[in-house]
Amino acid sequence: VFRYYKDQDAAVAALRKGEVSFVAGSPALTPAQAQSLKGAPDIKVNDGPGRRFYAIATNPGARTKDGKKFGTGDPSLLNEKVRHALFMAVDRKTIVDRVFQGQAVEGAGYIPPRFGDYAWQPSADQELK
């Protein structure tokens, strides 16, 4: 029997009351929810890497290939060095430690670290053209 809850707080409450035997789904438990269950009797928390990622992006108000403007960003964000400086200023470790309570890993790009290295072969790319 599958039960659906409006949020994970309700699902965790049902688990604590013994109304369900297993809690999973999307979204996953927050780090605080998982931590609160770790000491609970008859409950085992299975931590594992997920496939989701969070990203910080800029809105430079770029243009399409046709030259049409999209976005409402500040023109200074069109400067690659400004964007690079902003991203370098982000304290990723503090985000992992405080926002995700240590239950995340720092990423270096859009491919989550659990997927390993993403191979790109420029010669193969040219063959497709």
N, C-alpha and C. Protein backbone atom coordinates (compact mmCIF):
# COMPACT_ATOMS: atom_id res chain seq x y z
N VAL A 1 0.84 -1.17 0.00
CA VAL A 1 0.00 0.00 0.00
C VAL A 1 0.89 1.24 0.00
N PHE A 2 0.63 2.14 -0.93
CA PHE A 2 1.36 3.41 -1.00
C PHE A 2 0.46 4.52 -0.47
N ARG A 3 1.04 5.36 0.35
CA ARG A 3 0.31 6.52 0.86
C ARG A 3 1.05 7.77 0.43
N TYR A 4 0.31 8.76 0.03
CA TYR A 4 0.89 10.02 -0.38
C TYR A 4 0.54 11.09 0.65
N TYR A 5 1.53 11.89 0.98
CA TYR A 5 1.35 12.95 1.97
C TYR A 5 1.59 14.29 1.31
N LYS A 6 0.97 15.32 1.87
CA LYS A 6 1.10 16.65 1.28
C LYS A 6 2.52 17.18 1.37
N ASP A 7 3.28 16.71 2.36
CA ASP A 7 4.68 17.12 2.49
C ASP A 7 5.44 16.06 3.28
N GLN A 8 6.75 16.20 3.33
CA GLN A 8 7.57 15.21 4.01
C GLN A 8 7.43 15.29 5.52
N ASP A 9 7.04 16.43 6.07
CA ASP A 9 6.81 16.51 7.52
C ASP A 9 5.70 15.55 7.93
N ALA A 10 4.63 15.52 7.15
CA ALA A 10 3.52 14.61 7.44
C ALA A 10 3.95 13.16 7.29
N ALA A 11 4.78 12.87 6.29
CA ALA A 11 5.28 11.51 6.10
C ALA A 11 6.18 11.08 7.26
N VAL A 12 7.03 11.97 7.72
CA VAL A 12 7.90 11.67 8.87
C VAL A 12 7.07 11.43 10.12
N ALA A 13 6.03 12.23 10.33
CA ALA A 13 5.15 12.04 11.49
C ALA A 13 4.48 10.67 11.43
N ALA A 14 4.04 10.26 10.25
CA ALA A 14 3.42 8.95 10.09
C ALA A 14 4.42 7.83 10.38
N LEU A 15 5.66 8.01 9.97
CA LEU A 15 6.70 7.02 10.25
C LEU A 15 6.93 6.90 11.75
N ARG A 16 7.02 8.03 12.43
CA ARG A 16 7.24 8.02 13.89
C ARG A 16 6.09 7.33 14.63
N LYS A 17 4.87 7.51 14.14
CA LYS A 17 3.69 6.90 14.77
C LYS A 17 3.54 5.42 14.42
N GLY A 18 4.34 4.94 13.48
CA GLY A 18 4.23 3.54 13.06
C GLY A 18 3.13 3.30 12.04
N GLU A 19 2.60 4.37 11.45
CA GLU A 19 1.54 4.24 10.45
C GLU A 19 2.08 3.77 9.11
N VAL A 20 3.36 4.01 8.86
CA VAL A 20 4.02 3.55 7.63
C VAL A 20 5.36 2.94 8.02
N SER A 21 5.89 2.10 7.14
CA SER A 21 7.16 1.42 7.41
C SER A 21 8.33 2.04 6.68
N PHE A 22 8.04 2.91 5.73
CA PHE A 22 9.09 3.39 4.84
C PHE A 22 8.71 4.77 4.32
N VAL A 23 9.67 5.68 4.27
CA VAL A 23 9.42 7.01 3.72
C VAL A 23 10.47 7.27 2.66
N ALA A 24 10.02 7.63 1.49
CA ALA A 24 10.91 7.98 0.38
C ALA A 24 10.16 8.92 -0.52
N GLY A 25 10.79 9.31 -1.58
CA GLY A 25 10.06 10.09 -2.57
C GLY A 25 10.71 11.39 -2.91
N SER A 26 9.95 12.16 -3.60
CA SER A 26 10.44 13.43 -4.08
C SER A 26 9.52 14.51 -3.54
N PRO A 27 9.97 15.44 -2.76
CA PRO A 27 11.38 15.62 -2.43
C PRO A 27 11.82 14.64 -1.35
N ALA A 28 13.10 14.43 -1.27
CA ALA A 28 13.67 13.56 -0.25
C ALA A 28 13.56 14.26 1.11
N LEU A 29 13.89 13.56 2.15
CA LEU A 29 13.90 14.18 3.47
C LEU A 29 14.94 15.29 3.51
N THR A 30 14.64 16.30 4.27
CA THR A 30 15.64 17.35 4.48
C THR A 30 16.71 16.80 5.42
N PRO A 31 17.90 17.41 5.45
CA PRO A 31 18.91 16.96 6.40
C PRO A 31 18.41 16.98 7.84
N ALA A 32 17.63 17.99 8.21
CA ALA A 32 17.11 18.07 9.58
C ALA A 32 16.14 16.93 9.88
N GLN A 33 15.29 16.58 8.91
CA GLN A 33 14.36 15.47 9.11
C GLN A 33 15.11 14.15 9.27
N ALA A 34 16.08 13.92 8.40
CA ALA A 34 16.87 12.68 8.48
C ALA A 34 17.61 12.61 9.81
N GLN A 35 18.22 13.71 10.23
CA GLN A 35 18.97 13.74 11.49
C GLN A 35 18.05 13.45 12.67
N SER A 36 16.83 13.99 12.64
CA SER A 36 15.90 13.79 13.76
C SER A 36 15.46 12.34 13.87
N LEU A 37 15.53 11.59 12.78
CA LEU A 37 15.12 10.19 12.80
C LEU A 37 16.25 9.24 13.19
N LYS A 38 17.49 9.71 13.12
CA LYS A 38 18.63 8.81 13.35
C LYS A 38 18.64 8.18 14.73
N GLY A 39 18.15 8.87 15.74
CA GLY A 39 18.16 8.30 17.09
C GLY A 39 16.86 7.62 17.46
N ALA A 40 15.89 7.64 16.58
CA ALA A 40 14.57 7.08 16.89
C ALA A 40 14.63 5.56 16.93
N PRO A 41 13.97 4.96 17.93
CA PRO A 41 13.97 3.49 18.00
C PRO A 41 13.20 2.88 16.82
N ASP A 42 13.70 1.77 16.35
CA ASP A 42 13.05 1.01 15.26
C ASP A 42 12.99 1.76 13.93
N ILE A 43 13.83 2.78 13.78
CA ILE A 43 13.89 3.50 12.50
C ILE A 43 15.33 3.53 12.05
N LYS A 44 15.57 3.14 10.81
CA LYS A 44 16.91 3.19 10.23
C LYS A 44 16.90 4.21 9.10
N VAL A 45 17.88 5.09 9.13
CA VAL A 45 18.02 6.10 8.08
C VAL A 45 19.09 5.63 7.12
N ASN A 46 18.75 5.55 5.87
CA ASN A 46 19.68 5.12 4.83
C ASN A 46 20.10 6.35 4.03
N ASP A 47 21.31 6.83 4.31
CA ASP A 47 21.84 7.98 3.57
C ASP A 47 22.49 7.50 2.29
N GLY A 48 22.24 8.19 1.23
CA GLY A 48 22.87 7.85 -0.04
C GLY A 48 22.91 9.06 -0.95
N PRO A 49 23.82 9.06 -1.90
CA PRO A 49 23.91 10.20 -2.81
C PRO A 49 22.70 10.27 -3.74
N GLY A 50 22.25 11.46 -3.97
CA GLY A 50 21.12 11.67 -4.88
C GLY A 50 21.59 12.14 -6.24
N ARG A 51 20.65 12.30 -7.13
CA ARG A 51 20.97 12.78 -8.48
C ARG A 51 20.60 14.23 -8.68
N ARG A 52 20.02 14.84 -7.69
CA ARG A 52 19.60 16.24 -7.82
C ARG A 52 20.76 17.18 -7.57
N PHE A 53 20.62 18.37 -8.11
CA PHE A 53 21.61 19.39 -7.82
C PHE A 53 20.93 20.75 -7.80
N TYR A 54 21.56 21.68 -7.13
CA TYR A 54 21.10 23.05 -7.07
C TYR A 54 22.15 23.91 -7.75
N ALA A 55 21.73 24.91 -8.46
CA ALA A 55 22.66 25.75 -9.20
C ALA A 55 22.36 27.22 -8.95
N ILE A 56 23.39 28.01 -9.00
CA ILE A 56 23.26 29.47 -8.94
C ILE A 56 23.62 29.98 -10.34
N ALA A 57 22.75 30.79 -10.89
CA ALA A 57 22.99 31.29 -12.25
C ALA A 57 22.82 32.81 -12.27
N THR A 58 23.40 33.43 -13.27
CA THR A 58 23.24 34.87 -13.45
C THR A 58 22.28 35.12 -14.60
N ASN A 59 21.69 36.30 -14.61
CA ASN A 59 20.79 36.70 -15.68
C ASN A 59 21.38 37.94 -16.34
N PRO A 60 22.23 37.75 -17.35
CA PRO A 60 22.86 38.91 -17.97
C PRO A 60 21.99 39.64 -18.97
N GLY A 61 20.76 39.19 -19.17
CA GLY A 61 19.93 39.81 -20.20
C GLY A 61 20.51 39.52 -21.56
N ALA A 62 20.81 38.27 -21.80
CA ALA A 62 21.49 37.84 -23.02
C ALA A 62 20.60 37.97 -24.25
N ARG A 63 21.13 37.56 -25.38
CA ARG A 63 20.38 37.61 -26.64
C ARG A 63 20.39 36.24 -27.30
N THR A 64 19.34 35.97 -28.04
CA THR A 64 19.26 34.72 -28.79
C THR A 64 20.18 34.80 -30.01
N LYS A 65 20.28 33.72 -30.75
CA LYS A 65 21.09 33.73 -31.98
C LYS A 65 20.59 34.77 -32.97
N ASP A 66 19.28 35.03 -32.92
CA ASP A 66 18.68 36.03 -33.82
C ASP A 66 18.88 37.46 -33.33
N GLY A 67 19.50 37.63 -32.16
CA GLY A 67 19.74 38.96 -31.62
C GLY A 67 18.62 39.50 -30.75
N LYS A 68 17.57 38.69 -30.52
CA LYS A 68 16.47 39.14 -29.68
C LYS A 68 16.89 39.04 -28.21
N LYS A 69 16.61 40.10 -27.47
CA LYS A 69 16.98 40.15 -26.07
C LYS A 69 16.03 39.29 -25.24
N PHE A 70 16.59 38.57 -24.29
CA PHE A 70 15.76 37.89 -23.31
C PHE A 70 16.42 38.03 -21.94
N GLY A 71 15.62 38.04 -20.91
CA GLY A 71 16.15 38.27 -19.57
C GLY A 71 16.15 39.75 -19.25
N THR A 72 16.22 40.04 -17.98
CA THR A 72 16.19 41.43 -17.52
C THR A 72 17.42 41.77 -16.70
N GLY A 73 18.50 41.07 -16.93
CA GLY A 73 19.70 41.20 -16.11
C GLY A 73 20.42 42.52 -16.27
N ASP A 74 21.31 42.74 -15.33
CA ASP A 74 22.14 43.94 -15.34
C ASP A 74 23.18 43.82 -16.44
N PRO A 75 23.41 44.87 -17.22
CA PRO A 75 24.38 44.81 -18.32
C PRO A 75 25.80 44.44 -17.87
N SER A 76 26.15 44.74 -16.61
CA SER A 76 27.50 44.38 -16.14
C SER A 76 27.71 42.87 -16.15
N LEU A 77 26.61 42.11 -16.10
CA LEU A 77 26.73 40.65 -16.11
C LEU A 77 27.07 40.10 -17.49
N LEU A 78 27.07 40.94 -18.51
CA LEU A 78 27.51 40.51 -19.83
C LEU A 78 29.03 40.33 -19.86
N ASN A 79 29.72 40.91 -18.89
CA ASN A 79 31.17 40.81 -18.80
C ASN A 79 31.53 39.47 -18.14
N GLU A 80 32.23 38.63 -18.89
CA GLU A 80 32.58 37.30 -18.39
C GLU A 80 33.40 37.36 -17.10
N LYS A 81 34.28 38.35 -16.99
CA LYS A 81 35.12 38.47 -15.79
C LYS A 81 34.27 38.80 -14.56
N VAL A 82 33.25 39.61 -14.73
CA VAL A 82 32.35 39.94 -13.62
C VAL A 82 31.62 38.68 -13.17
N ARG A 83 31.08 37.92 -14.12
CA ARG A 83 30.38 36.68 -13.78
C ARG A 83 31.32 35.71 -13.07
N HIS A 84 32.53 35.58 -13.59
CA HIS A 84 33.51 34.67 -12.99
C HIS A 84 33.82 35.10 -11.56
N ALA A 85 34.01 36.40 -11.34
CA ALA A 85 34.31 36.91 -10.00
C ALA A 85 33.16 36.62 -9.04
N LEU A 86 31.93 36.80 -9.50
CA LEU A 86 30.77 36.51 -8.64
C LEU A 86 30.73 35.04 -8.25
N PHE A 87 30.96 34.16 -9.21
CA PHE A 87 30.92 32.73 -8.90
C PHE A 87 32.08 32.31 -8.01
N MET A 88 33.23 32.96 -8.18
CA MET A 88 34.37 32.65 -7.32
C MET A 88 34.11 33.12 -5.88
N ALA A 89 33.27 34.13 -5.72
CA ALA A 89 32.97 34.67 -4.39
C ALA A 89 31.98 33.81 -3.61
N VAL A 90 31.32 32.88 -4.26
CA VAL A 90 30.35 32.02 -3.58
C VAL A 90 31.10 31.04 -2.68
N ASP A 91 30.76 31.04 -1.41
CA ASP A 91 31.39 30.14 -0.44
C ASP A 91 30.64 28.81 -0.45
N ARG A 92 31.03 27.93 -1.34
CA ARG A 92 30.34 26.65 -1.51
C ARG A 92 30.39 25.79 -0.25
N LYS A 93 31.51 25.80 0.44
CA LYS A 93 31.65 24.98 1.65
C LYS A 93 30.64 25.41 2.71
N THR A 94 30.46 26.71 2.88
CA THR A 94 29.49 27.19 3.86
C THR A 94 28.07 26.81 3.46
N ILE A 95 27.76 26.86 2.18
CA ILE A 95 26.44 26.44 1.71
C ILE A 95 26.21 24.97 2.04
N VAL A 96 27.21 24.13 1.75
CA VAL A 96 27.09 22.69 2.06
C VAL A 96 26.92 22.49 3.56
N ASP A 97 27.73 23.17 4.35
CA ASP A 97 27.70 22.97 5.80
C ASP A 97 26.45 23.52 6.46
N ARG A 98 26.02 24.72 6.06
CA ARG A 98 24.90 25.36 6.76
C ARG A 98 23.54 25.09 6.14
N VAL A 99 23.45 25.19 4.83
CA VAL A 99 22.15 24.99 4.18
C VAL A 99 21.79 23.51 4.13
N PHE A 100 22.77 22.68 3.75
CA PHE A 100 22.52 21.25 3.60
C PHE A 100 23.01 20.44 4.79
N GLN A 101 23.48 21.13 5.83
CA GLN A 101 23.94 20.49 7.07
C GLN A 101 24.91 19.35 6.80
N GLY A 102 25.81 19.57 5.85
CA GLY A 102 26.83 18.57 5.53
C GLY A 102 26.35 17.42 4.66
N GLN A 103 25.08 17.43 4.28
CA GLN A 103 24.50 16.33 3.49
C GLN A 103 24.51 16.64 2.00
N ALA A 104 25.60 17.21 1.53
CA ALA A 104 25.75 17.52 0.10
C ALA A 104 27.24 17.56 -0.20
N VAL A 105 27.56 17.63 -1.46
CA VAL A 105 28.95 17.77 -1.88
C VAL A 105 29.05 18.99 -2.79
N GLU A 106 30.20 19.62 -2.77
CA GLU A 106 30.42 20.77 -3.64
C GLU A 106 30.55 20.29 -5.08
N GLY A 107 29.89 20.95 -5.96
CA GLY A 107 30.01 20.64 -7.37
C GLY A 107 30.87 21.67 -8.08
N ALA A 108 31.37 21.28 -9.22
CA ALA A 108 32.19 22.19 -10.00
C ALA A 108 31.51 22.56 -11.31
N GLY A 109 30.30 22.07 -11.53
CA GLY A 109 29.59 22.35 -12.77
C GLY A 109 28.20 21.77 -12.71
N TYR A 110 27.57 21.63 -13.86
CA TYR A 110 26.19 21.16 -13.89
C TYR A 110 26.04 19.65 -13.79
N ILE A 111 27.09 18.89 -13.98
CA ILE A 111 27.01 17.44 -13.86
C ILE A 111 27.30 17.09 -12.40
N PRO A 112 26.32 16.51 -11.67
CA PRO A 112 26.56 16.17 -10.27
C PRO A 112 27.75 15.23 -10.12
N PRO A 113 28.56 15.40 -9.05
CA PRO A 113 29.76 14.59 -8.87
C PRO A 113 29.51 13.09 -8.87
N ARG A 114 28.33 12.63 -8.47
CA ARG A 114 28.10 11.19 -8.41
C ARG A 114 28.12 10.54 -9.79
N PHE A 115 28.01 11.33 -10.85
CA PHE A 115 28.03 10.78 -12.20
C PHE A 115 29.44 10.65 -12.76
N GLY A 116 30.44 11.04 -11.98
CA GLY A 116 31.82 10.90 -12.44
C GLY A 116 32.17 11.93 -13.50
N ASP A 117 33.32 11.71 -14.11
CA ASP A 117 33.78 12.66 -15.12
C ASP A 117 32.92 12.59 -16.38
N TYR A 118 32.69 13.73 -16.96
CA TYR A 118 31.94 13.83 -18.20
C TYR A 118 32.95 14.03 -19.31
N ALA A 119 33.01 13.07 -20.20
CA ALA A 119 34.02 13.11 -21.26
C ALA A 119 33.55 13.96 -22.43
N TRP A 120 34.45 14.75 -22.95
CA TRP A 120 34.18 15.55 -24.14
C TRP A 120 35.37 15.40 -25.07
N GLN A 121 35.10 15.01 -26.26
CA GLN A 121 36.16 14.83 -27.25
C GLN A 121 35.92 15.82 -28.39
N PRO A 122 36.73 16.88 -28.45
CA PRO A 122 36.53 17.88 -29.51
C PRO A 122 36.51 17.27 -30.90
N SER A 123 37.34 16.26 -31.14
CA SER A 123 37.37 15.66 -32.48
C SER A 123 36.04 14.99 -32.81
N ALA A 124 35.43 14.32 -31.83
CA ALA A 124 34.13 13.69 -32.07
C ALA A 124 33.06 14.74 -32.30
N ASP A 125 33.16 15.86 -31.61
CA ASP A 125 32.22 16.96 -31.79
C ASP A 125 32.28 17.48 -33.23
N GLN A 126 33.47 17.60 -33.75
CA GLN A 126 33.64 18.10 -35.12
C GLN A 126 33.07 17.13 -36.15
N GLU A 127 33.12 15.83 -35.85
CA GLU A 127 32.59 14.83 -36.77
C GLU A 127 31.08 14.96 -36.95
N LEU A 128 30.39 15.49 -35.95
CA LEU A 128 28.94 15.64 -36.02
C LEU A 128 28.51 16.79 -36.92
N LYS A 129 29.41 17.69 -37.21
CA LYS A 129 29.05 18.88 -38.00
C LYS A 129 29.00 18.57 -39.47
